[in-house]
Full PDB file with SEQRES, HELIX, SHEET, SSBOND, CRYST1, ORIGX, SCALE, CONECT and MASTER records, all heavy atoms in Angstrom:
SEQRES   1 A   39  ASN TYR THR ASN LEU GLU PHE ALA GLY PHE TYR TRP HIS          
SEQRES   2 A   39  HIS GLU ALA MET GLU ARG HIS VAL ASP GLU MET GLU LEU          
SEQRES   3 A   39  LEU ASN SER VAL SER ARG LEU VAL HIS SER LYS GLY TYR          
HELIX    1 AA1 GLU A   23  SER A   36  1                                  14    
CRYST1    1.000    1.000    1.000  90.00  90.00  90.00 P 1           1          
ORIGX1      1.000000  0.000000  0.000000        0.00000                         
ORIGX2      0.000000  1.000000  0.000000        0.00000                         
ORIGX3      0.000000  0.000000  1.000000        0.00000                         
SCALE1      1.000000  0.000000  0.000000        0.00000                         
SCALE2      0.000000  1.000000  0.000000        0.00000                         
SCALE3      0.000000  0.000000  1.000000        0.00000                         
ATOM      1  N   ASN A   1       0.823  -1.213   0.000  1.00  0.00           N  
ATOM      2  CA  ASN A   1       0.000   0.000   0.000  1.00  0.00           C  
ATOM      3  C   ASN A   1       0.862   1.270   0.000  1.00  0.00           C  
ATOM      4  O   ASN A   1       0.698   2.148   0.840  1.00  0.00           O  
ATOM      5  CB  ASN A   1      -0.958  -0.015   1.196  1.00  0.00           C  
ATOM      6  CG  ASN A   1      -2.119   0.935   0.978  1.00  0.00           C  
ATOM      7  OD1 ASN A   1      -2.426   1.295  -0.160  1.00  0.00           O  
ATOM      8  ND2 ASN A   1      -2.745   1.338   2.059  1.00  0.00           N  
ATOM      9  N   TYR A   2       1.778   1.351  -0.962  1.00  0.00           N  
ATOM     10  CA  TYR A   2       2.697   2.486  -1.057  1.00  0.00           C  
ATOM     11  C   TYR A   2       1.977   3.681  -1.681  1.00  0.00           C  
ATOM     12  O   TYR A   2       1.655   3.672  -2.863  1.00  0.00           O  
ATOM     13  CB  TYR A   2       3.927   2.108  -1.893  1.00  0.00           C  
ATOM     14  CG  TYR A   2       4.663   0.917  -1.345  1.00  0.00           C  
ATOM     15  CD1 TYR A   2       4.586  -0.325  -1.973  1.00  0.00           C  
ATOM     16  CD2 TYR A   2       5.424   1.037  -0.193  1.00  0.00           C  
ATOM     17  CE1 TYR A   2       5.269  -1.412  -1.464  1.00  0.00           C  
ATOM     18  CE2 TYR A   2       6.109  -0.051   0.321  1.00  0.00           C  
ATOM     19  CZ  TYR A   2       6.022  -1.273  -0.315  1.00  0.00           C  
ATOM     20  OH  TYR A   2       6.698  -2.349   0.195  1.00  0.00           O  
ATOM     21  N   THR A   3       1.741   4.696  -0.903  1.00  0.00           N  
ATOM     22  CA  THR A   3       0.965   5.838  -1.379  1.00  0.00           C  
ATOM     23  C   THR A   3       1.774   6.821  -2.220  1.00  0.00           C  
ATOM     24  O   THR A   3       1.191   7.621  -2.945  1.00  0.00           O  
ATOM     25  CB  THR A   3       0.335   6.591  -0.189  1.00  0.00           C  
ATOM     26  OG1 THR A   3       1.391   7.003   0.690  1.00  0.00           O  
ATOM     27  CG2 THR A   3      -0.652   5.708   0.553  1.00  0.00           C  
ATOM     28  N   ASN A   4       3.101   6.769  -2.136  1.00  0.00           N  
ATOM     29  CA  ASN A   4       3.938   7.702  -2.886  1.00  0.00           C  
ATOM     30  C   ASN A   4       4.670   7.053  -4.057  1.00  0.00           C  
ATOM     31  O   ASN A   4       5.513   7.687  -4.679  1.00  0.00           O  
ATOM     32  CB  ASN A   4       4.961   8.355  -1.959  1.00  0.00           C  
ATOM     33  CG  ASN A   4       4.291   9.258  -0.949  1.00  0.00           C  
ATOM     34  OD1 ASN A   4       3.483  10.098  -1.304  1.00  0.00           O  
ATOM     35  ND2 ASN A   4       4.610   9.064   0.318  1.00  0.00           N  
ATOM     36  N   LEU A   5       4.365   5.785  -4.328  1.00  0.00           N  
ATOM     37  CA  LEU A   5       5.035   5.063  -5.402  1.00  0.00           C  
ATOM     38  C   LEU A   5       4.040   4.604  -6.452  1.00  0.00           C  
ATOM     39  O   LEU A   5       2.913   4.228  -6.140  1.00  0.00           O  
ATOM     40  CB  LEU A   5       5.767   3.836  -4.853  1.00  0.00           C  
ATOM     41  CG  LEU A   5       6.824   4.065  -3.790  1.00  0.00           C  
ATOM     42  CD1 LEU A   5       7.408   2.735  -3.336  1.00  0.00           C  
ATOM     43  CD2 LEU A   5       7.910   4.995  -4.292  1.00  0.00           C  
ATOM     44  N   GLU A   6       4.493   4.625  -7.703  1.00  0.00           N  
ATOM     45  CA  GLU A   6       3.703   4.099  -8.815  1.00  0.00           C  
ATOM     46  C   GLU A   6       4.580   3.118  -9.574  1.00  0.00           C  
ATOM     47  O   GLU A   6       5.659   3.485 -10.042  1.00  0.00           O  
ATOM     48  CB  GLU A   6       3.267   5.233  -9.746  1.00  0.00           C  
ATOM     49  CG  GLU A   6       2.551   4.761 -10.982  1.00  0.00           C  
ATOM     50  CD  GLU A   6       2.272   5.889 -11.962  1.00  0.00           C  
ATOM     51  OE1 GLU A   6       2.333   7.072 -11.563  1.00  0.00           O  
ATOM     52  OE2 GLU A   6       2.008   5.580 -13.124  1.00  0.00           O  
ATOM     53  N   PHE A   7       4.136   1.887  -9.687  1.00  0.00           N  
ATOM     54  CA  PHE A   7       4.918   0.918 -10.427  1.00  0.00           C  
ATOM     55  C   PHE A   7       4.797   1.224 -11.918  1.00  0.00           C  
ATOM     56  O   PHE A   7       3.706   1.388 -12.443  1.00  0.00           O  
ATOM     57  CB  PHE A   7       4.460  -0.519 -10.129  1.00  0.00           C  
ATOM     58  CG  PHE A   7       5.302  -1.510 -10.844  1.00  0.00           C  
ATOM     59  CD1 PHE A   7       6.607  -1.734 -10.438  1.00  0.00           C  
ATOM     60  CD2 PHE A   7       4.829  -2.169 -11.952  1.00  0.00           C  
ATOM     61  CE1 PHE A   7       7.427  -2.615 -11.127  1.00  0.00           C  
ATOM     62  CE2 PHE A   7       5.635  -3.054 -12.639  1.00  0.00           C  
ATOM     63  CZ  PHE A   7       6.931  -3.276 -12.231  1.00  0.00           C  
ATOM     64  N   ALA A   8       5.945   1.313 -12.614  1.00  0.00           N  
ATOM     65  CA  ALA A   8       5.941   1.727 -14.017  1.00  0.00           C  
ATOM     66  C   ALA A   8       6.409   0.639 -14.974  1.00  0.00           C  
ATOM     67  O   ALA A   8       6.089   0.692 -16.157  1.00  0.00           O  
ATOM     68  CB  ALA A   8       6.812   2.967 -14.189  1.00  0.00           C  
ATOM     69  N   GLY A   9       7.184  -0.327 -14.496  1.00  0.00           N  
ATOM     70  CA  GLY A   9       7.637  -1.352 -15.420  1.00  0.00           C  
ATOM     71  C   GLY A   9       8.795  -2.165 -14.905  1.00  0.00           C  
ATOM     72  O   GLY A   9       9.185  -2.081 -13.737  1.00  0.00           O  
ATOM     73  N   PHE A  10       9.342  -2.954 -15.823  1.00  0.00           N  
ATOM     74  CA  PHE A  10      10.429  -3.872 -15.502  1.00  0.00           C  
ATOM     75  C   PHE A  10      11.633  -3.580 -16.375  1.00  0.00           C  
ATOM     76  O   PHE A  10      11.499  -3.170 -17.521  1.00  0.00           O  
ATOM     77  CB  PHE A  10       9.994  -5.317 -15.764  1.00  0.00           C  
ATOM     78  CG  PHE A  10       8.892  -5.782 -14.862  1.00  0.00           C  
ATOM     79  CD1 PHE A  10       7.566  -5.684 -15.252  1.00  0.00           C  
ATOM     80  CD2 PHE A  10       9.177  -6.304 -13.604  1.00  0.00           C  
ATOM     81  CE1 PHE A  10       6.546  -6.116 -14.412  1.00  0.00           C  
ATOM     82  CE2 PHE A  10       8.163  -6.725 -12.762  1.00  0.00           C  
ATOM     83  CZ  PHE A  10       6.844  -6.633 -13.166  1.00  0.00           C  
ATOM     84  N   TYR A  11      12.816  -3.803 -15.810  1.00  0.00           N  
ATOM     85  CA  TYR A  11      14.010  -3.731 -16.646  1.00  0.00           C  
ATOM     86  C   TYR A  11      14.737  -5.066 -16.593  1.00  0.00           C  
ATOM     87  O   TYR A  11      14.710  -5.774 -15.587  1.00  0.00           O  
ATOM     88  CB  TYR A  11      14.906  -2.543 -16.293  1.00  0.00           C  
ATOM     89  CG  TYR A  11      15.738  -2.672 -15.044  1.00  0.00           C  
ATOM     90  CD1 TYR A  11      17.046  -3.165 -15.098  1.00  0.00           C  
ATOM     91  CD2 TYR A  11      15.242  -2.264 -13.815  1.00  0.00           C  
ATOM     92  CE1 TYR A  11      17.823  -3.250 -13.961  1.00  0.00           C  
ATOM     93  CE2 TYR A  11      16.015  -2.349 -12.666  1.00  0.00           C  
ATOM     94  CZ  TYR A  11      17.301  -2.841 -12.750  1.00  0.00           C  
ATOM     95  OH  TYR A  11      18.062  -2.938 -11.626  1.00  0.00           O  
ATOM     96  N   TRP A  12      15.330  -5.393 -17.719  1.00  0.00           N  
ATOM     97  CA  TRP A  12      16.071  -6.640 -17.872  1.00  0.00           C  
ATOM     98  C   TRP A  12      17.438  -6.454 -17.239  1.00  0.00           C  
ATOM     99  O   TRP A  12      18.244  -5.644 -17.690  1.00  0.00           O  
ATOM    100  CB  TRP A  12      16.181  -6.967 -19.354  1.00  0.00           C  
ATOM    101  CG  TRP A  12      16.644  -8.338 -19.681  1.00  0.00           C  
ATOM    102  CD1 TRP A  12      17.805  -8.665 -20.321  1.00  0.00           C  
ATOM    103  CD2 TRP A  12      15.965  -9.558 -19.434  1.00  0.00           C  
ATOM    104  NE1 TRP A  12      17.887 -10.028 -20.474  1.00  0.00           N  
ATOM    105  CE2 TRP A  12      16.762 -10.600 -19.937  1.00  0.00           C  
ATOM    106  CE3 TRP A  12      14.754  -9.876 -18.818  1.00  0.00           C  
ATOM    107  CZ2 TRP A  12      16.396 -11.935 -19.851  1.00  0.00           C  
ATOM    108  CZ3 TRP A  12      14.388 -11.205 -18.735  1.00  0.00           C  
ATOM    109  CH2 TRP A  12      15.202 -12.217 -19.245  1.00  0.00           C  
ATOM    110  N   HIS A  13      17.704  -7.183 -16.178  1.00  0.00           N  
ATOM    111  CA  HIS A  13      18.910  -6.983 -15.381  1.00  0.00           C  
ATOM    112  C   HIS A  13      20.179  -7.422 -16.104  1.00  0.00           C  
ATOM    113  O   HIS A  13      21.252  -6.868 -15.876  1.00  0.00           O  
ATOM    114  CB  HIS A  13      18.768  -7.729 -14.050  1.00  0.00           C  
ATOM    115  CG  HIS A  13      19.839  -7.415 -13.074  1.00  0.00           C  
ATOM    116  ND1 HIS A  13      20.973  -8.182 -12.948  1.00  0.00           N  
ATOM    117  CD2 HIS A  13      19.966  -6.405 -12.185  1.00  0.00           C  
ATOM    118  CE1 HIS A  13      21.741  -7.669 -12.009  1.00  0.00           C  
ATOM    119  NE2 HIS A  13      21.157  -6.586 -11.533  1.00  0.00           N  
ATOM    120  N   HIS A  14      20.079  -8.401 -16.955  1.00  0.00           N  
ATOM    121  CA  HIS A  14      21.239  -8.926 -17.684  1.00  0.00           C  
ATOM    122  C   HIS A  14      21.735  -7.841 -18.646  1.00  0.00           C  
ATOM    123  O   HIS A  14      20.975  -7.365 -19.477  1.00  0.00           O  
ATOM    124  CB  HIS A  14      20.804 -10.183 -18.442  1.00  0.00           C  
ATOM    125  CG  HIS A  14      21.838 -11.236 -18.559  1.00  0.00           C  
ATOM    126  ND1 HIS A  14      22.543 -11.726 -17.497  1.00  0.00           N  
ATOM    127  CD2 HIS A  14      22.291 -11.907 -19.640  1.00  0.00           C  
ATOM    128  CE1 HIS A  14      23.374 -12.670 -17.911  1.00  0.00           C  
ATOM    129  NE2 HIS A  14      23.246 -12.783 -19.201  1.00  0.00           N  
ATOM    130  N   GLU A  15      22.995  -7.450 -18.553  1.00  0.00           N  
ATOM    131  CA  GLU A  15      23.496  -6.282 -19.274  1.00  0.00           C  
ATOM    132  C   GLU A  15      24.001  -6.562 -20.682  1.00  0.00           C  
ATOM    133  O   GLU A  15      24.452  -5.651 -21.378  1.00  0.00           O  
ATOM    134  CB  GLU A  15      24.592  -5.604 -18.457  1.00  0.00           C  
ATOM    135  CG  GLU A  15      24.075  -5.019 -17.172  1.00  0.00           C  
ATOM    136  CD  GLU A  15      25.146  -4.294 -16.373  1.00  0.00           C  
ATOM    137  OE1 GLU A  15      26.343  -4.342 -16.749  1.00  0.00           O  
ATOM    138  OE2 GLU A  15      24.784  -3.665 -15.367  1.00  0.00           O  
ATOM    139  N   ALA A  16      23.928  -7.799 -21.130  1.00  0.00           N  
ATOM    140  CA  ALA A  16      24.308  -8.156 -22.506  1.00  0.00           C  
ATOM    141  C   ALA A  16      23.422  -9.307 -22.952  1.00  0.00           C  
ATOM    142  O   ALA A  16      22.901 -10.054 -22.127  1.00  0.00           O  
ATOM    143  CB  ALA A  16      25.773  -8.560 -22.581  1.00  0.00           C  
ATOM    144  N   MET A  17      23.259  -9.431 -24.247  1.00  0.00           N  
ATOM    145  CA  MET A  17      22.481 -10.544 -24.778  1.00  0.00           C  
ATOM    146  C   MET A  17      23.361 -11.783 -24.809  1.00  0.00           C  
ATOM    147  O   MET A  17      24.535 -11.711 -25.180  1.00  0.00           O  
ATOM    148  CB  MET A  17      22.004 -10.238 -26.200  1.00  0.00           C  
ATOM    149  CG  MET A  17      20.914  -9.199 -26.255  1.00  0.00           C  
ATOM    150  SD  MET A  17      19.447  -9.724 -25.350  1.00  0.00           S  
ATOM    151  CE  MET A  17      19.189  -8.287 -24.335  1.00  0.00           C  
ATOM    152  N   GLU A  18      22.786 -12.877 -24.407  1.00  0.00           N  
ATOM    153  CA  GLU A  18      23.474 -14.161 -24.523  1.00  0.00           C  
ATOM    154  C   GLU A  18      23.456 -14.559 -25.999  1.00  0.00           C  
ATOM    155  O   GLU A  18      22.625 -14.098 -26.758  1.00  0.00           O  
ATOM    156  CB  GLU A  18      22.772 -15.222 -23.673  1.00  0.00           C  
ATOM    157  CG  GLU A  18      22.821 -14.938 -22.190  1.00  0.00           C  
ATOM    158  CD  GLU A  18      24.226 -15.012 -21.613  1.00  0.00           C  
ATOM    159  OE1 GLU A  18      25.019 -15.856 -22.067  1.00  0.00           O  
ATOM    160  OE2 GLU A  18      24.520 -14.214 -20.715  1.00  0.00           O  
ATOM    161  N   ARG A  19      24.343 -15.406 -26.381  1.00  0.00           N  
ATOM    162  CA  ARG A  19      24.433 -15.806 -27.789  1.00  0.00           C  
ATOM    163  C   ARG A  19      23.660 -17.093 -28.076  1.00  0.00           C  
ATOM    164  O   ARG A  19      24.008 -17.845 -28.970  1.00  0.00           O  
ATOM    165  CB  ARG A  19      25.892 -15.949 -28.197  1.00  0.00           C  
ATOM    166  CG  ARG A  19      26.623 -14.627 -28.103  1.00  0.00           C  
ATOM    167  CD  ARG A  19      28.057 -14.775 -28.564  1.00  0.00           C  
ATOM    168  NE  ARG A  19      28.803 -13.575 -28.284  1.00  0.00           N  
ATOM    169  CZ  ARG A  19      29.042 -12.617 -29.173  1.00  0.00           C  
ATOM    170  NH1 ARG A  19      28.574 -12.730 -30.380  1.00  0.00           N  
ATOM    171  NH2 ARG A  19      29.742 -11.560 -28.836  1.00  0.00           N  
ATOM    172  N   HIS A  20      22.611 -17.334 -27.291  1.00  0.00           N  
ATOM    173  CA  HIS A  20      21.790 -18.526 -27.503  1.00  0.00           C  
ATOM    174  C   HIS A  20      20.842 -18.315 -28.665  1.00  0.00           C  
ATOM    175  O   HIS A  20      20.379 -17.205 -28.920  1.00  0.00           O  
ATOM    176  CB  HIS A  20      20.954 -18.836 -26.253  1.00  0.00           C  
ATOM    177  CG  HIS A  20      21.777 -19.089 -25.036  1.00  0.00           C  
ATOM    178  ND1 HIS A  20      22.581 -20.186 -24.905  1.00  0.00           N  
ATOM    179  CD2 HIS A  20      21.934 -18.372 -23.905  1.00  0.00           C  
ATOM    180  CE1 HIS A  20      23.196 -20.151 -23.734  1.00  0.00           C  
ATOM    181  NE2 HIS A  20      22.825 -19.045 -23.111  1.00  0.00           N  
ATOM    182  N   VAL A  21      20.529 -19.380 -29.331  1.00  0.00           N  
ATOM    183  CA  VAL A  21      19.601 -19.330 -30.456  1.00  0.00           C  
ATOM    184  C   VAL A  21      18.238 -18.814 -30.013  1.00  0.00           C  
ATOM    185  O   VAL A  21      17.579 -18.083 -30.735  1.00  0.00           O  
ATOM    186  CB  VAL A  21      19.462 -20.741 -31.090  1.00  0.00           C  
ATOM    187  CG1 VAL A  21      18.418 -20.739 -32.180  1.00  0.00           C  
ATOM    188  CG2 VAL A  21      20.803 -21.217 -31.618  1.00  0.00           C  
ATOM    189  N   ASP A  22      17.827 -19.165 -28.798  1.00  0.00           N  
ATOM    190  CA  ASP A  22      16.477 -18.808 -28.347  1.00  0.00           C  
ATOM    191  C   ASP A  22      16.400 -17.477 -27.605  1.00  0.00           C  
ATOM    192  O   ASP A  22      15.353 -17.117 -27.078  1.00  0.00           O  
ATOM    193  CB  ASP A  22      15.889 -19.924 -27.495  1.00  0.00           C  
ATOM    194  CG  ASP A  22      16.644 -20.137 -26.180  1.00  0.00           C  
ATOM    195  OD1 ASP A  22      17.665 -19.468 -25.933  1.00  0.00           O  
ATOM    196  OD2 ASP A  22      16.200 -20.991 -25.398  1.00  0.00           O  
ATOM    197  N   GLU A  23      17.486 -16.698 -27.565  1.00  0.00           N  
ATOM    198  CA  GLU A  23      17.479 -15.447 -26.799  1.00  0.00           C  
ATOM    199  C   GLU A  23      16.433 -14.458 -27.315  1.00  0.00           C  
ATOM    200  O   GLU A  23      15.726 -13.824 -26.547  1.00  0.00           O  
ATOM    201  CB  GLU A  23      18.876 -14.801 -26.832  1.00  0.00           C  
ATOM    202  CG  GLU A  23      19.064 -13.755 -25.776  1.00  0.00           C  
ATOM    203  CD  GLU A  23      19.231 -14.329 -24.382  1.00  0.00           C  
ATOM    204  OE1 GLU A  23      19.172 -15.562 -24.195  1.00  0.00           O  
ATOM    205  OE2 GLU A  23      19.412 -13.539 -23.452  1.00  0.00           O  
ATOM    206  N   MET A  24      16.305 -14.335 -28.645  1.00  0.00           N  
ATOM    207  CA  MET A  24      15.320 -13.428 -29.236  1.00  0.00           C  
ATOM    208  C   MET A  24      13.911 -13.889 -28.876  1.00  0.00           C  
ATOM    209  O   MET A  24      13.061 -13.073 -28.503  1.00  0.00           O  
ATOM    210  CB  MET A  24      15.499 -13.374 -30.752  1.00  0.00           C  
ATOM    211  CG  MET A  24      14.629 -12.359 -31.446  1.00  0.00           C  
ATOM    212  SD  MET A  24      15.112 -10.642 -31.187  1.00  0.00           S  
ATOM    213  CE  MET A  24      16.590 -10.511 -32.164  1.00  0.00           C  
ATOM    214  N   GLU A  25      13.660 -15.169 -28.955  1.00  0.00           N  
ATOM    215  CA  GLU A  25      12.342 -15.726 -28.600  1.00  0.00           C  
ATOM    216  C   GLU A  25      12.035 -15.483 -27.122  1.00  0.00           C  
ATOM    217  O   GLU A  25      10.929 -15.083 -26.761  1.00  0.00           O  
ATOM    218  CB  GLU A  25      12.309 -17.222 -28.911  1.00  0.00           C  
ATOM    219  CG  GLU A  25      10.977 -17.873 -28.599  1.00  0.00           C  
ATOM    220  CD  GLU A  25      10.999 -19.381 -28.811  1.00  0.00           C  
ATOM    221  OE1 GLU A  25      12.019 -19.940 -29.268  1.00  0.00           O  
ATOM    222  OE2 GLU A  25       9.976 -20.009 -28.495  1.00  0.00           O  
ATOM    223  N   LEU A  26      13.018 -15.718 -26.266  1.00  0.00           N  
ATOM    224  CA  LEU A  26      12.839 -15.502 -24.831  1.00  0.00           C  
ATOM    225  C   LEU A  26      12.471 -14.053 -24.541  1.00  0.00           C  
ATOM    226  O   LEU A  26      11.478 -13.774 -23.874  1.00  0.00           O  
ATOM    227  CB  LEU A  26      14.112 -15.875 -24.066  1.00  0.00           C  
ATOM    228  CG  LEU A  26      14.120 -15.484 -22.584  1.00  0.00           C  
ATOM    229  CD1 LEU A  26      13.093 -16.302 -21.804  1.00  0.00           C  
ATOM    230  CD2 LEU A  26      15.509 -15.649 -21.999  1.00  0.00           C  
ATOM    231  N   LEU A  27      13.269 -13.122 -25.049  1.00  0.00           N  
ATOM    232  CA  LEU A  27      13.043 -11.707 -24.747  1.00  0.00           C  
ATOM    233  C   LEU A  27      11.733 -11.199 -25.330  1.00  0.00           C  
ATOM    234  O   LEU A  27      11.029 -10.421 -24.683  1.00  0.00           O  
ATOM    235  CB  LEU A  27      14.210 -10.853 -25.252  1.00  0.00           C  
ATOM    236  CG  LEU A  27      15.342 -10.596 -24.266  1.00  0.00           C  
ATOM    237  CD1 LEU A  27      14.913  -9.735 -23.122  1.00  0.00           C  
ATOM    238  CD2 LEU A  27      16.000 -11.827 -23.767  1.00  0.00           C  
ATOM    239  N   ASN A  28      11.383 -11.643 -26.525  1.00  0.00           N  
ATOM    240  CA  ASN A  28      10.116 -11.212 -27.095  1.00  0.00           C  
ATOM    241  C   ASN A  28       8.935 -11.788 -26.325  1.00  0.00           C  
ATOM    242  O   ASN A  28       7.915 -11.128 -26.159  1.00  0.00           O  
ATOM    243  CB  ASN A  28      10.040 -11.556 -28.589  1.00  0.00           C  
ATOM    244  CG  ASN A  28      10.745 -10.519 -29.425  1.00  0.00           C  
ATOM    245  OD1 ASN A  28      10.189  -9.470 -29.702  1.00  0.00           O  
ATOM    246  ND2 ASN A  28      11.980 -10.795 -29.791  1.00  0.00           N  
ATOM    247  N   SER A  29       9.085 -12.993 -25.804  1.00  0.00           N  
ATOM    248  CA  SER A  29       8.030 -13.588 -24.973  1.00  0.00           C  
ATOM    249  C   SER A  29       7.888 -12.824 -23.657  1.00  0.00           C  
ATOM    250  O   SER A  29       6.774 -12.549 -23.203  1.00  0.00           O  
ATOM    251  CB  SER A  29       8.336 -15.060 -24.691  1.00  0.00           C  
ATOM    252  OG  SER A  29       8.313 -15.811 -25.880  1.00  0.00           O  
ATOM    253  N   VAL A  30       9.011 -12.465 -23.052  1.00  0.00           N  
ATOM    254  CA  VAL A  30       8.973 -11.690 -21.811  1.00  0.00           C  
ATOM    255  C   VAL A  30       8.377 -10.314 -22.085  1.00  0.00           C  
ATOM    256  O   VAL A  30       7.561  -9.813 -21.301  1.00  0.00           O  
ATOM    257  CB  VAL A  30      10.381 -11.580 -21.179  1.00  0.00           C  
ATOM    258  CG1 VAL A  30      10.375 -10.616 -19.995  1.00  0.00           C  
ATOM    259  CG2 VAL A  30      10.871 -12.955 -20.740  1.00  0.00           C  
ATOM    260  N   SER A  31       8.750  -9.713 -23.195  1.00  0.00           N  
ATOM    261  CA  SER A  31       8.205  -8.406 -23.569  1.00  0.00           C  
ATOM    262  C   SER A  31       6.680  -8.468 -23.703  1.00  0.00           C  
ATOM    263  O   SER A  31       5.962  -7.598 -23.186  1.00  0.00           O  
ATOM    264  CB  SER A  31       8.832  -7.936 -24.887  1.00  0.00           C  
ATOM    265  OG  SER A  31       8.283  -6.706 -25.285  1.00  0.00           O  
ATOM    266  N   ARG A  32       6.186  -9.479 -24.394  1.00  0.00           N  
ATOM    267  CA  ARG A  32       4.719  -9.638 -24.537  1.00  0.00           C  
ATOM    268  C   ARG A  32       4.054  -9.815 -23.172  1.00  0.00           C  
ATOM    269  O   ARG A  32       2.990  -9.255 -22.912  1.00  0.00           O  
ATOM    270  CB  ARG A  32       4.395 -10.818 -25.456  1.00  0.00           C  
ATOM    271  CG  ARG A  32       4.600 -10.517 -26.923  1.00  0.00           C  
ATOM    272  CD  ARG A  32       4.046 -11.610 -27.827  1.00  0.00           C  
ATOM    273  NE  ARG A  32       4.708 -12.890 -27.650  1.00  0.00           N  
ATOM    274  CZ  ARG A  32       5.844 -13.243 -28.264  1.00  0.00           C  
ATOM    275  NH1 ARG A  32       6.445 -12.409 -29.083  1.00  0.00           N  
ATOM    276  NH2 ARG A  32       6.378 -14.432 -28.054  1.00  0.00           N  
ATOM    277  N   LEU A  33       4.687 -10.574 -22.304  1.00  0.00           N  
ATOM    278  CA  LEU A  33       4.156 -10.795 -20.958  1.00  0.00           C  
ATOM    279  C   LEU A  33       4.072  -9.476 -20.194  1.00  0.00           C  
ATOM    280  O   LEU A  33       3.028  -9.138 -19.619  1.00  0.00           O  
ATOM    281  CB  LEU A  33       5.036 -11.797 -20.208  1.00  0.00           C  
ATOM    282  CG  LEU A  33       4.716 -12.047 -18.742  1.00  0.00           C  
ATOM    283  CD1 LEU A  33       3.335 -12.669 -18.597  1.00  0.00           C  
ATOM    284  CD2 LEU A  33       5.775 -12.943 -18.122  1.00  0.00           C  
ATOM    285  N   VAL A  34       5.155  -8.716 -20.181  1.00  0.00           N  
ATOM    286  CA  VAL A  34       5.183  -7.431 -19.470  1.00  0.00           C  
ATOM    287  C   VAL A  34       4.148  -6.477 -20.060  1.00  0.00           C  
ATOM    288  O   VAL A  34       3.391  -5.829 -19.328  1.00  0.00           O  
ATOM    289  CB  VAL A  34       6.607  -6.821 -19.513  1.00  0.00           C  
ATOM    290  CG1 VAL A  34       6.593  -5.370 -19.049  1.00  0.00           C  
ATOM    291  CG2 VAL A  34       7.567  -7.655 -18.667  1.00  0.00           C  
ATOM    292  N   HIS A  35       4.101  -6.398 -21.379  1.00  0.00           N  
ATOM    293  CA  HIS A  35       3.141  -5.487 -22.028  1.00  0.00           C  
ATOM    294  C   HIS A  35       1.696  -5.923 -21.799  1.00  0.00           C  
ATOM    295  O   HIS A  35       0.808  -5.067 -21.685  1.00  0.00           O  
ATOM    296  CB  HIS A  35       3.446  -5.370 -23.515  1.00  0.00           C  
ATOM    297  CG  HIS A  35       4.718  -4.643 -23.796  1.00  0.00           C  
ATOM    298  ND1 HIS A  35       5.636  -5.080 -24.712  1.00  0.00           N  
ATOM    299  CD2 HIS A  35       5.246  -3.512 -23.264  1.00  0.00           C  
ATOM    300  CE1 HIS A  35       6.664  -4.248 -24.745  1.00  0.00           C  
ATOM    301  NE2 HIS A  35       6.448  -3.291 -23.857  1.00  0.00           N  
ATOM    302  N   SER A  36       1.456  -7.227 -21.707  1.00  0.00           N  
ATOM    303  CA  SER A  36       0.089  -7.708 -21.463  1.00  0.00           C  
ATOM    304  C   SER A  36      -0.426  -7.269 -20.097  1.00  0.00           C  
ATOM    305  O   SER A  36      -1.627  -7.186 -19.869  1.00  0.00           O  
ATOM    306  CB  SER A  36       0.012  -9.236 -21.581  1.00  0.00           C  
ATOM    307  OG  SER A  36       0.605  -9.868 -20.448  1.00  0.00           O  
ATOM    308  N   LYS A  37       0.508  -6.968 -19.207  1.00  0.00           N  
ATOM    309  CA  LYS A  37       0.138  -6.490 -17.871  1.00  0.00           C  
ATOM    310  C   LYS A  37       0.092  -4.961 -17.819  1.00  0.00           C  
ATOM    311  O   LYS A  37      -0.186  -4.371 -16.789  1.00  0.00           O  
ATOM    312  CB  LYS A  37       1.107  -7.053 -16.826  1.00  0.00           C  
ATOM    313  CG  LYS A  37       1.010  -8.581 -16.726  1.00  0.00           C  
ATOM    314  CD  LYS A  37       2.000  -9.148 -15.747  1.00  0.00           C  
ATOM    315  CE  LYS A  37       1.979 -10.657 -15.709  1.00  0.00           C  
ATOM    316  NZ  LYS A  37       0.728 -11.273 -15.290  1.00  0.00           N  
ATOM    317  N   GLY A  38       0.395  -4.321 -18.971  1.00  0.00           N  
ATOM    318  CA  GLY A  38       0.282  -2.870 -19.084  1.00  0.00           C  
ATOM    319  C   GLY A  38       1.491  -2.077 -18.625  1.00  0.00           C  
ATOM    320  O   GLY A  38       1.358  -0.904 -18.268  1.00  0.00           O  
ATOM    321  N   TYR A  39       2.675  -2.687 -18.666  1.00  0.00           N  
ATOM    322  CA  TYR A  39       3.866  -2.005 -18.160  1.00  0.00           C  
ATOM    323  C   TYR A  39       4.952  -1.900 -19.223  1.00  0.00           C  
ATOM    324  O   TYR A  39       4.931  -2.600 -20.231  1.00  0.00           O  
ATOM    325  CB  TYR A  39       4.405  -2.727 -16.921  1.00  0.00           C  
ATOM    326  CG  TYR A  39       3.422  -2.638 -15.789  1.00  0.00           C  
ATOM    327  CD1 TYR A  39       2.596  -3.705 -15.470  1.00  0.00           C  
ATOM    328  CD2 TYR A  39       3.279  -1.452 -15.074  1.00  0.00           C  
ATOM    329  CE1 TYR A  39       1.664  -3.602 -14.451  1.00  0.00           C  
ATOM    330  CE2 TYR A  39       2.349  -1.344 -14.054  1.00  0.00           C  
ATOM    331  CZ  TYR A  39       1.554  -2.418 -13.754  1.00  0.00           C  
ATOM    332  OH  TYR A  39       0.626  -2.306 -12.762  1.00  0.00           O  
TER     333      TYR A  39                                                      
MASTER        0    0    0    1    0    0    0    6  332    1    0    3          
END                                                                             
């Protein structure tokens, strides 16, 4: 019940992209998830 805070979104803590084949799929899936929640 934080009266002076507004949650605005998420940031990806990992500071570089991994070189995995599925990295683009992973990040786009996470992006869709975050956006589906309105952030």
